[in-house]
Amino acid sequence: MDMYSGFAKVYDTFMDETPYEEWRALIVSLLERYGADDGELTGEAGIGLKQERNTILDLGCGTGTLTELLAKEGYDMIGVDNSVEMLEIAMEKKEKSKADILYLLQDMREFELYGTTGAVVSVCDSLNYLLNEEDILTVLRLVNNYLYPKGLFIFDFNTVYKYETVIGDATIAENREDCSFIWENYYHPDEEINEYDLTLFVKNNDSKEEDNLFYRFEETHYQRGYRLEQMKRLLNEAGLLFIDAFDADTKKAPTPQSERIFVVAREQGK
């Protein structure tokens, strides 16, 4: 089964403690601190360039939670994801909020846009699903290509330390009223790849309540841990300028024990 097919149905339920509001505030503050400001743009062409500079691409947008939050901040949002099921949920949110968001079903390694964007964001370990440096480099080069001059790329990634030491080989289970999951985690140290097998039980809301029927889904996900020095090197190879990095929890400089690291990079010329 494809990743995020069955899981998409309950993704938001199990991700309800994910700090999306914190990430929204963080991204907005980083855009204000480091965002490109090339003066007043005038004329018809200037209006178009202003719109591009105000556009943010959410790469690996999933069900669109962060995309919606940034749209509320006044940004013109584009969301890219390669899961049909996740984007269907994102579209349902868009219908309710009436947000002006463009969602595209694309693989981040091959995404295409109609113009440049002032910023690209990719959070919640989307880049960790890329299992080799070649794919990371491909994405970084595409990001650089579609960024407005001096535009920003803000992303996070889970570290090798997190997968190897914090998660390791473990089994996690969680039960909710309408769904539950069993998460069996395996870490492969030679490849520095984390494998987790998900077994999901989702209530069939179309059945009679007394029947209490549940669907069962099984999915296997793979993520690779990365190190900050790797990311710096790959950013440089892609033509992006590394600006800053910090621990996602402490908001201070990363340490060897950092589990998730945020990175800010800038377009510096094609």
C-alpha atoms as a PDB file:
ATOM      1  CA  MET A   1       0.000   0.000   0.000  1.00  0.00           C
ATOM      2  CA  ASP A   2       1.223   3.501  -0.792  1.00  0.00           C
ATOM      3  CA  MET A   3       2.345   5.705   2.052  1.00  0.00           C
ATOM      4  CA  TYR A   4      -0.311   8.027   3.464  1.00  0.00           C
ATOM      5  CA  SER A   5      -3.216   6.222   1.834  1.00  0.00           C
ATOM      6  CA  GLY A   6      -4.941   4.697   4.862  1.00  0.00           C
ATOM      7  CA  PHE A   7      -3.001   6.920   7.286  1.00  0.00           C
ATOM      8  CA  ALA A   8      -4.347  10.021   5.548  1.00  0.00           C
ATOM      9  CA  LYS A   9      -7.805   9.290   6.964  1.00  0.00           C
ATOM     10  CA  VAL A  10      -6.574   9.704  10.546  1.00  0.00           C
ATOM     11  CA  TYR A  11      -3.426  11.779  10.033  1.00  0.00           C
ATOM     12  CA  ASP A  12      -4.814  14.942  11.593  1.00  0.00           C
ATOM     13  CA  THR A  13      -6.224  12.997  14.542  1.00  0.00           C
ATOM     14  CA  PHE A  14      -2.872  11.527  15.503  1.00  0.00           C
ATOM     15  CA  MET A  15      -0.979  14.736  14.683  1.00  0.00           C
ATOM     16  CA  ASP A  16      -3.129  16.911  16.945  1.00  0.00           C
ATOM     17  CA  GLU A  17      -0.146  17.709  19.206  1.00  0.00           C
ATOM     18  CA  THR A  18       2.094  18.784  16.315  1.00  0.00           C
ATOM     19  CA  PRO A  19       3.090  22.431  16.961  1.00  0.00           C
ATOM     20  CA  TYR A  20       1.736  23.867  13.712  1.00  0.00           C
ATOM     21  CA  GLU A  21       0.879  27.210  15.332  1.00  0.00           C
ATOM     22  CA  GLU A  22       4.413  27.444  16.696  1.00  0.00           C
ATOM     23  CA  TRP A  23       5.838  26.635  13.268  1.00  0.00           C
ATOM     24  CA  ARG A  24       3.570  29.232  11.652  1.00  0.00           C
ATOM     25  CA  ALA A  25       4.819  31.928  14.034  1.00  0.00           C
ATOM     26  CA  LEU A  26       8.403  30.810  13.533  1.00  0.00           C
ATOM     27  CA  ILE A  27       8.169  30.889   9.737  1.00  0.00           C
ATOM     28  CA  VAL A  28       6.530  34.323   9.746  1.00  0.00           C
ATOM     29  CA  SER A  29       9.251  35.676  12.047  1.00  0.00           C
ATOM     30  CA  LEU A  30      11.993  34.216   9.839  1.00  0.00           C
ATOM     31  CA  LEU A  31      10.408  35.717   6.734  1.00  0.00           C
ATOM     32  CA  GLU A  32      10.302  39.099   8.427  1.00  0.00           C
ATOM     33  CA  ARG A  33      13.890  38.787   9.638  1.00  0.00           C
ATOM     34  CA  TYR A  34      15.530  37.418   6.491  1.00  0.00           C
ATOM     35  CA  GLY A  35      13.019  38.057   3.702  1.00  0.00           C
ATOM     36  CA  ALA A  36      14.093  39.744   0.505  1.00  0.00           C
ATOM     37  CA  ASP A  37      13.432  43.481   0.304  1.00  0.00           C
ATOM     38  CA  ASP A  38      14.544  44.923  -2.984  1.00  0.00           C
ATOM     39  CA  GLY A  39      12.732  48.223  -2.710  1.00  0.00           C
ATOM     40  CA  GLU A  40       9.499  49.508  -4.190  1.00  0.00           C
ATOM     41  CA  LEU A  41       8.444  47.795  -7.395  1.00  0.00           C
ATOM     42  CA  THR A  42       6.416  49.906  -9.791  1.00  0.00           C
ATOM     43  CA  GLY A  43       4.406  49.426 -12.943  1.00  0.00           C
ATOM     44  CA  GLU A  44       2.512  46.387 -14.195  1.00  0.00           C
ATOM     45  CA  ALA A  45       5.617  44.198 -14.087  1.00  0.00           C
ATOM     46  CA  GLY A  46       6.255  45.367 -10.535  1.00  0.00           C
ATOM     47  CA  ILE A  47       2.793  44.276  -9.424  1.00  0.00           C
ATOM     48  CA  GLY A  48       3.444  40.807 -10.810  1.00  0.00           C
ATOM     49  CA  LEU A  49       6.804  40.582  -9.079  1.00  0.00           C
ATOM     50  CA  LYS A  50       5.276  41.684  -5.766  1.00  0.00           C
ATOM     51  CA  GLN A  51       2.733  38.894  -6.055  1.00  0.00           C
ATOM     52  CA  GLU A  52       5.461  36.346  -6.718  1.00  0.00           C
ATOM     53  CA  ARG A  53       7.450  37.621  -3.744  1.00  0.00           C
ATOM     54  CA  ASN A  54       4.370  37.201  -1.525  1.00  0.00           C
ATOM     55  CA  THR A  55       3.849  33.616  -2.694  1.00  0.00           C
ATOM     56  CA  ILE A  56       4.963  30.704  -0.527  1.00  0.00           C
ATOM     57  CA  LEU A  57       5.306  27.128  -1.668  1.00  0.00           C
ATOM     58  CA  ASP A  58       4.558  24.535   1.016  1.00  0.00           C
ATOM     59  CA  LEU A  59       6.561  21.543  -0.188  1.00  0.00           C
ATOM     60  CA  GLY A  60       5.188  18.284   1.189  1.00  0.00           C
ATOM     61  CA  CYS A  61       2.076  20.068   2.442  1.00  0.00           C
ATOM     62  CA  GLY A  62       0.192  16.939   3.505  1.00  0.00           C
ATOM     63  CA  THR A  63      -3.339  17.737   4.654  1.00  0.00           C
ATOM     64  CA  GLY A  64      -2.664  21.461   4.384  1.00  0.00           C
ATOM     65  CA  THR A  65      -2.750  22.459   8.055  1.00  0.00           C
ATOM     66  CA  LEU A  66       0.309  24.727   7.865  1.00  0.00           C
ATOM     67  CA  THR A  67      -0.684  25.880   4.378  1.00  0.00           C
ATOM     68  CA  GLU A  68      -3.997  27.133   5.756  1.00  0.00           C
ATOM     69  CA  LEU A  69      -2.316  28.910   8.665  1.00  0.00           C
ATOM     70  CA  LEU A  70       0.090  30.763   6.362  1.00  0.00           C
ATOM     71  CA  ALA A  71      -2.772  31.668   4.033  1.00  0.00           C
ATOM     72  CA  LYS A  72      -4.478  33.321   7.010  1.00  0.00           C
ATOM     73  CA  GLU A  73      -1.321  35.411   7.422  1.00  0.00           C
ATOM     74  CA  GLY A  74      -1.979  36.893   3.982  1.00  0.00           C
ATOM     75  CA  TYR A  75       0.467  34.879   1.890  1.00  0.00           C
ATOM     76  CA  ASP A  76      -0.484  33.467  -1.497  1.00  0.00           C
ATOM     77  CA  MET A  77      -0.071  29.753  -0.897  1.00  0.00           C
ATOM     78  CA  ILE A  78       0.807  26.828  -3.133  1.00  0.00           C
ATOM     79  CA  GLY A  79       0.823  23.320  -1.671  1.00  0.00           C
ATOM     80  CA  VAL A  80       2.644  20.408  -3.287  1.00  0.00           C
ATOM     81  CA  ASP A  81       2.297  16.794  -2.181  1.00  0.00           C
ATOM     82  CA  ASN A  82       2.464  13.401  -3.873  1.00  0.00           C
ATOM     83  CA  SER A  83      -0.370  11.776  -1.893  1.00  0.00           C
ATOM     84  CA  VAL A  84      -3.805  11.949  -3.497  1.00  0.00           C
ATOM     85  CA  GLU A  85      -5.461  11.059  -0.200  1.00  0.00           C
ATOM     86  CA  MET A  86      -3.659  13.769   1.778  1.00  0.00           C
ATOM     87  CA  LEU A  87      -4.494  16.415  -0.830  1.00  0.00           C
ATOM     88  CA  GLU A  88      -8.149  15.380  -0.816  1.00  0.00           C
ATOM     89  CA  ILE A  89      -8.270  16.291   2.873  1.00  0.00           C
ATOM     90  CA  ALA A  90      -6.406  19.533   2.173  1.00  0.00           C
ATOM     91  CA  MET A  91      -9.015  20.390  -0.453  1.00  0.00           C
ATOM     92  CA  GLU A  92     -11.818  19.718   2.041  1.00  0.00           C
ATOM     93  CA  LYS A  93     -10.196  22.213   4.426  1.00  0.00           C
ATOM     94  CA  LYS A  94      -9.888  24.720   1.596  1.00  0.00           C
ATOM     95  CA  GLU A  95     -13.598  24.356   0.812  1.00  0.00           C
ATOM     96  CA  LYS A  96     -14.469  25.164   4.424  1.00  0.00           C
ATOM     97  CA  SER A  97     -12.030  28.048   4.876  1.00  0.00           C
ATOM     98  CA  LYS A  98     -12.498  29.510   1.356  1.00  0.00           C
ATOM     99  CA  ALA A  99      -8.729  30.102   1.350  1.00  0.00           C
ATOM    100  CA  ASP A 100      -7.145  30.942  -1.996  1.00  0.00           C
ATOM    101  CA  ILE A 101      -4.693  28.027  -2.093  1.00  0.00           C
ATOM    102  CA  LEU A 102      -3.417  26.200  -5.166  1.00  0.00           C
ATOM    103  CA  TYR A 103      -2.770  22.511  -4.496  1.00  0.00           C
ATOM    104  CA  LEU A 104      -0.658  20.458  -6.902  1.00  0.00           C
ATOM    105  CA  LEU A 105      -0.266  16.686  -6.955  1.00  0.00           C
ATOM    106  CA  GLN A 106       3.468  16.408  -7.650  1.00  0.00           C
ATOM    107  CA  ASP A 107       6.543  14.567  -6.464  1.00  0.00           C
ATOM    108  CA  MET A 108       8.833  17.103  -4.796  1.00  0.00           C
ATOM    109  CA  ARG A 109      11.731  15.725  -6.844  1.00  0.00           C
ATOM    110  CA  GLU A 110       9.959  16.817 -10.030  1.00  0.00           C
ATOM    111  CA  PHE A 111       7.731  19.724  -9.012  1.00  0.00           C
ATOM    112  CA  GLU A 112       6.930  22.451 -11.542  1.00  0.00           C
ATOM    113  CA  LEU A 113       5.537  25.943 -10.965  1.00  0.00           C
ATOM    114  CA  TYR A 114       4.336  28.696 -13.288  1.00  0.00           C
ATOM    115  CA  GLY A 115       6.589  31.328 -11.747  1.00  0.00           C
ATOM    116  CA  THR A 116       8.881  32.088  -8.837  1.00  0.00           C
ATOM    117  CA  THR A 117       7.950  32.205  -5.156  1.00  0.00           C
ATOM    118  CA  GLY A 118       9.207  34.477  -2.413  1.00  0.00           C
ATOM    119  CA  ALA A 119       9.767  31.510  -0.122  1.00  0.00           C
ATOM    120  CA  VAL A 120       9.588  27.746   0.025  1.00  0.00           C
ATOM    121  CA  VAL A 121       8.841  25.947   3.281  1.00  0.00           C
ATOM    122  CA  SER A 122       9.065  22.242   4.007  1.00  0.00           C
ATOM    123  CA  VAL A 123       8.429  21.071   7.556  1.00  0.00           C
ATOM    124  CA  CYS A 124       7.373  18.016   9.558  1.00  0.00           C
ATOM    125  CA  ASP A 125      10.356  16.012   8.207  1.00  0.00           C
ATOM    126  CA  SER A 126       9.193  15.929   4.587  1.00  0.00           C
ATOM    127  CA  LEU A 127      12.801  15.898   3.365  1.00  0.00           C
ATOM    128  CA  ASN A 128      13.541  12.835   5.509  1.00  0.00           C
ATOM    129  CA  TYR A 129      11.433  10.809   3.074  1.00  0.00           C
ATOM    130  CA  LEU A 130      14.197  11.364   0.530  1.00  0.00           C
ATOM    131  CA  LEU A 131      16.514   8.426   1.199  1.00  0.00           C
ATOM    132  CA  ASN A 132      19.663   9.543  -0.601  1.00  0.00           C
ATOM    133  CA  GLU A 133      21.675  12.708  -1.085  1.00  0.00           C
ATOM    134  CA  GLU A 134      21.037  12.716  -4.832  1.00  0.00           C
ATOM    135  CA  ASP A 135      17.304  13.194  -4.265  1.00  0.00           C
ATOM    136  CA  ILE A 136      17.929  15.895  -1.655  1.00  0.00           C
ATOM    137  CA  LEU A 137      20.192  17.712  -4.106  1.00  0.00           C
ATOM    138  CA  THR A 138      17.587  17.411  -6.868  1.00  0.00           C
ATOM    139  CA  VAL A 139      14.963  19.045  -4.638  1.00  0.00           C
ATOM    140  CA  LEU A 140      17.326  21.785  -3.492  1.00  0.00           C
ATOM    141  CA  ARG A 141      18.186  22.665  -7.083  1.00  0.00           C
ATOM    142  CA  LEU A 142      14.500  22.865  -7.978  1.00  0.00           C
ATOM    143  CA  VAL A 143      13.862  25.071  -4.952  1.00  0.00           C
ATOM    144  CA  ASN A 144      16.708  27.348  -6.001  1.00  0.00           C
ATOM    145  CA  ASN A 145      15.337  27.491  -9.537  1.00  0.00           C
ATOM    146  CA  TYR A 146      11.855  28.595  -8.438  1.00  0.00           C
ATOM    147  CA  LEU A 147      12.839  31.024  -5.693  1.00  0.00           C
ATOM    148  CA  TYR A 148      12.414  34.746  -6.289  1.00  0.00           C
ATOM    149  CA  PRO A 149      15.790  36.581  -6.130  1.00  0.00           C
ATOM    150  CA  LYS A 150      17.010  36.450  -2.529  1.00  0.00           C
ATOM    151  CA  GLY A 151      14.000  34.312  -1.632  1.00  0.00           C
ATOM    152  CA  LEU A 152      14.137  31.986   1.363  1.00  0.00           C
ATOM    153  CA  PHE A 153      13.999  28.243   1.826  1.00  0.00           C
ATOM    154  CA  ILE A 154      12.923  27.297   5.357  1.00  0.00           C
ATOM    155  CA  PHE A 155      12.903  23.602   6.180  1.00  0.00           C
ATOM    156  CA  ASP A 156      13.396  21.094   8.940  1.00  0.00           C
ATOM    157  CA  PHE A 157      14.775  17.590   9.158  1.00  0.00           C
ATOM    158  CA  ASN A 158      15.047  14.819  11.718  1.00  0.00           C
ATOM    159  CA  THR A 159      18.600  13.970  12.681  1.00  0.00           C
ATOM    160  CA  VAL A 160      20.495  10.701  12.723  1.00  0.00           C
ATOM    161  CA  TYR A 161      20.635  11.064  16.513  1.00  0.00           C
ATOM    162  CA  LYS A 162      16.833  11.065  16.764  1.00  0.00           C
ATOM    163  CA  TYR A 163      16.323   7.928  14.705  1.00  0.00           C
ATOM    164  CA  GLU A 164      19.293   6.052  16.112  1.00  0.00           C
ATOM    165  CA  THR A 165      19.115   6.980  19.795  1.00  0.00           C
ATOM    166  CA  VAL A 166      15.733   8.449  20.653  1.00  0.00           C
ATOM    167  CA  ILE A 167      13.384   6.302  18.555  1.00  0.00           C
ATOM    168  CA  GLY A 168      15.534   3.278  17.761  1.00  0.00           C
ATOM    169  CA  ASP A 169      13.788  -0.091  17.694  1.00  0.00           C
ATOM    170  CA  ALA A 170      10.543   0.536  19.501  1.00  0.00           C
ATOM    171  CA  THR A 171       6.837  -0.212  19.350  1.00  0.00           C
ATOM    172  CA  ILE A 172       4.341   2.564  19.959  1.00  0.00           C
ATOM    173  CA  ALA A 173       0.574   2.175  20.237  1.00  0.00           C
ATOM    174  CA  GLU A 174      -2.165   4.741  20.632  1.00  0.00           C
ATOM    175  CA  ASN A 175      -5.903   4.301  20.935  1.00  0.00           C
ATOM    176  CA  ARG A 176      -8.575   6.902  20.191  1.00  0.00           C
ATOM    177  CA  GLU A 177     -12.339   6.626  20.099  1.00  0.00           C
ATOM    178  CA  ASP A 178     -12.624   6.239  16.341  1.00  0.00           C
ATOM    179  CA  CYS A 179      -9.142   5.012  15.446  1.00  0.00           C
ATOM    180  CA  SER A 180      -5.993   3.418  16.816  1.00  0.00           C
ATOM    181  CA  PHE A 181      -2.548   2.494  15.565  1.00  0.00           C
ATOM    182  CA  ILE A 182       0.401   0.234  16.260  1.00  0.00           C
ATOM    183  CA  TRP A 183       3.746   1.694  15.180  1.00  0.00           C
ATOM    184  CA  GLU A 184       6.626  -0.779  14.968  1.00  0.00           C
ATOM    185  CA  ASN A 185       9.894   1.073  14.468  1.00  0.00           C
ATOM    186  CA  TYR A 186      13.181  -0.342  13.127  1.00  0.00           C
ATOM    187  CA  TYR A 187      16.421   1.551  12.636  1.00  0.00           C
ATOM    188  CA  HIS A 188      18.943   0.346  10.037  1.00  0.00           C
ATOM    189  CA  PRO A 189      22.287   1.857  11.114  1.00  0.00           C
ATOM    190  CA  ASP A 190      24.275   0.962   7.998  1.00  0.00           C
ATOM    191  CA  GLU A 191      21.970   2.988   5.746  1.00  0.00           C
ATOM    192  CA  GLU A 192      20.905   5.389   8.544  1.00  0.00           C
ATOM    193  CA  ILE A 193      17.343   4.684   7.482  1.00  0.00           C
ATOM    194  CA  ASN A 194      14.370   4.481   9.799  1.00  0.00           C
ATOM    195  CA  GLU A 195      11.570   2.052   8.935  1.00  0.00           C
ATOM    196  CA  TYR A 196       8.208   2.110  10.620  1.00  0.00           C
ATOM    197  CA  ASP A 197       5.387  -0.305   9.992  1.00  0.00           C
ATOM    198  CA  LEU A 198       1.950   1.114  10.739  1.00  0.00           C
ATOM    199  CA  THR A 199      -1.148  -0.915  11.458  1.00  0.00           C
ATOM    200  CA  LEU A 200      -4.210   1.327  11.582  1.00  0.00           C
ATOM    201  CA  PHE A 201      -7.753   0.635  12.704  1.00  0.00           C
ATOM    202  CA  VAL A 202     -10.272   3.242  11.542  1.00  0.00           C
ATOM    203  CA  LYS A 203     -13.944   3.208  12.487  1.00  0.00           C
ATOM    204  CA  ASN A 204     -16.403   2.696   9.655  1.00  0.00           C
ATOM    205  CA  ASN A 205     -18.720   5.644  10.170  1.00  0.00           C
ATOM    206  CA  ASP A 206     -21.108   4.323   7.527  1.00  0.00           C
ATOM    207  CA  SER A 207     -21.896   1.197   9.527  1.00  0.00           C
ATOM    208  CA  LYS A 208     -24.511   0.885  12.263  1.00  0.00           C
ATOM    209  CA  GLU A 209     -23.225   2.092  15.602  1.00  0.00           C
ATOM    210  CA  GLU A 210     -23.981  -1.212  17.272  1.00  0.00           C
ATOM    211  CA  ASP A 211     -21.890  -3.048  14.663  1.00  0.00           C
ATOM    212  CA  ASN A 212     -18.791  -1.109  15.763  1.00  0.00           C
ATOM    213  CA  LEU A 213     -16.899  -2.002  12.582  1.00  0.00           C
ATOM    214  CA  PHE A 214     -13.336  -0.826  11.876  1.00  0.00           C
ATOM    215  CA  TYR A 215     -11.238  -0.822   8.730  1.00  0.00           C
ATOM    216  CA  ARG A 216      -7.675  -2.122   9.005  1.00  0.00           C
ATOM    217  CA  PHE A 217      -4.853  -0.524   7.029  1.00  0.00           C
ATOM    218  CA  GLU A 218      -1.167  -1.418   6.866  1.00  0.00           C
ATOM    219  CA  GLU A 219       1.584   0.889   5.618  1.00  0.00           C
ATOM    220  CA  THR A 220       5.376   0.939   5.707  1.00  0.00           C
ATOM    221  CA  HIS A 221       7.256   4.238   5.782  1.00  0.00           C
ATOM    222  CA  TYR A 222      10.975   4.880   5.336  1.00  0.00           C
ATOM    223  CA  GLN A 223      12.857   7.986   6.431  1.00  0.00           C
ATOM    224  CA  ARG A 224      16.549   8.784   6.483  1.00  0.00           C
ATOM    225  CA  GLY A 225      18.285  10.798   9.157  1.00  0.00           C
ATOM    226  CA  TYR A 226      20.607  13.615   8.116  1.00  0.00           C
ATOM    227  CA  ARG A 227      23.280  15.754   9.739  1.00  0.00           C
ATOM    228  CA  LEU A 228      23.533  19.524   9.579  1.00  0.00           C
ATOM    229  CA  GLU A 229      26.934  19.426   7.870  1.00  0.00           C
ATOM    230  CA  GLN A 230      25.419  17.249   5.142  1.00  0.00           C
ATOM    231  CA  MET A 231      22.636  19.757   4.578  1.00  0.00           C
ATOM    232  CA  LYS A 232      25.070  22.677   4.471  1.00  0.00           C
ATOM    233  CA  ARG A 233      27.171  20.907   1.853  1.00  0.00           C
ATOM    234  CA  LEU A 234      24.150  20.009  -0.271  1.00  0.00           C
ATOM    235  CA  LEU A 235      22.765  23.548  -0.052  1.00  0.00           C
ATOM    236  CA  ASN A 236      26.088  24.856  -1.326  1.00  0.00           C
ATOM    237  CA  GLU A 237      26.134  22.340  -4.183  1.00  0.00           C
ATOM    238  CA  ALA A 238      22.612  23.427  -5.160  1.00  0.00           C
ATOM    239  CA  GLY A 239      23.635  27.090  -5.263  1.00  0.00           C
ATOM    240  CA  LEU A 240      21.754  28.123  -2.122  1.00  0.00           C
ATOM    241  CA  LEU A 241      23.329  30.218   0.610  1.00  0.00           C
ATOM    242  CA  PHE A 242      23.111  28.794   4.125  1.00  0.00           C
ATOM    243  CA  ILE A 243      21.871  31.488   6.527  1.00  0.00           C
ATOM    244  CA  ASP A 244      20.985  29.949   9.874  1.00  0.00           C
ATOM    245  CA  ALA A 245      20.132  26.756  11.729  1.00  0.00           C
ATOM    246  CA  PHE A 246      18.685  26.048  15.156  1.00  0.00           C
ATOM    247  CA  ASP A 247      17.266  23.309  17.326  1.00  0.00           C
ATOM    248  CA  ALA A 248      13.502  23.043  16.808  1.00  0.00           C
ATOM    249  CA  ASP A 249      12.841  22.640  20.535  1.00  0.00           C
ATOM    250  CA  THR A 250      15.250  25.111  22.124  1.00  0.00           C
ATOM    251  CA  LYS A 251      15.466  27.603  19.217  1.00  0.00           C
ATOM    252  CA  LYS A 252      19.191  27.747  20.002  1.00  0.00           C
ATOM    253  CA  ALA A 253      22.213  26.531  18.039  1.00  0.00           C
ATOM    254  CA  PRO A 254      21.974  22.828  17.161  1.00  0.00           C
ATOM    255  CA  THR A 255      23.820  20.353  19.364  1.00  0.00           C
ATOM    256  CA  PRO A 256      24.799  16.692  18.817  1.00  0.00           C
ATOM    257  CA  GLN A 257      21.597  15.844  20.729  1.00  0.00           C
ATOM    258  CA  SER A 258      19.262  17.908  18.531  1.00  0.00           C
ATOM    259  CA  GLU A 259      16.401  15.772  17.240  1.00  0.00           C
ATOM    260  CA  ARG A 260      14.878  18.189  14.730  1.00  0.00           C
ATOM    261  CA  ILE A 261      16.779  21.052  13.126  1.00  0.00           C
ATOM    262  CA  PHE A 262      15.360  24.048  11.281  1.00  0.00           C
ATOM    263  CA  VAL A 263      17.437  25.558   8.474  1.00  0.00           C
ATOM    264  CA  VAL A 264      17.153  28.878   6.651  1.00  0.00           C
ATOM    265  CA  ALA A 265      18.793  29.270   3.229  1.00  0.00           C
ATOM    266  CA  ARG A 266      18.676  31.987   0.578  1.00  0.00           C
ATOM    267  CA  GLU A 267      18.657  32.169  -3.212  1.00  0.00           C
ATOM    268  CA  GLN A 268      21.818  33.979  -4.295  1.00  0.00           C
ATOM    269  CA  GLY A 269      21.635  33.965  -8.069  1.00  0.00           C
ATOM    270  CA  LYS A 270      20.805  31.277 -10.603  1.00  0.00           C
END
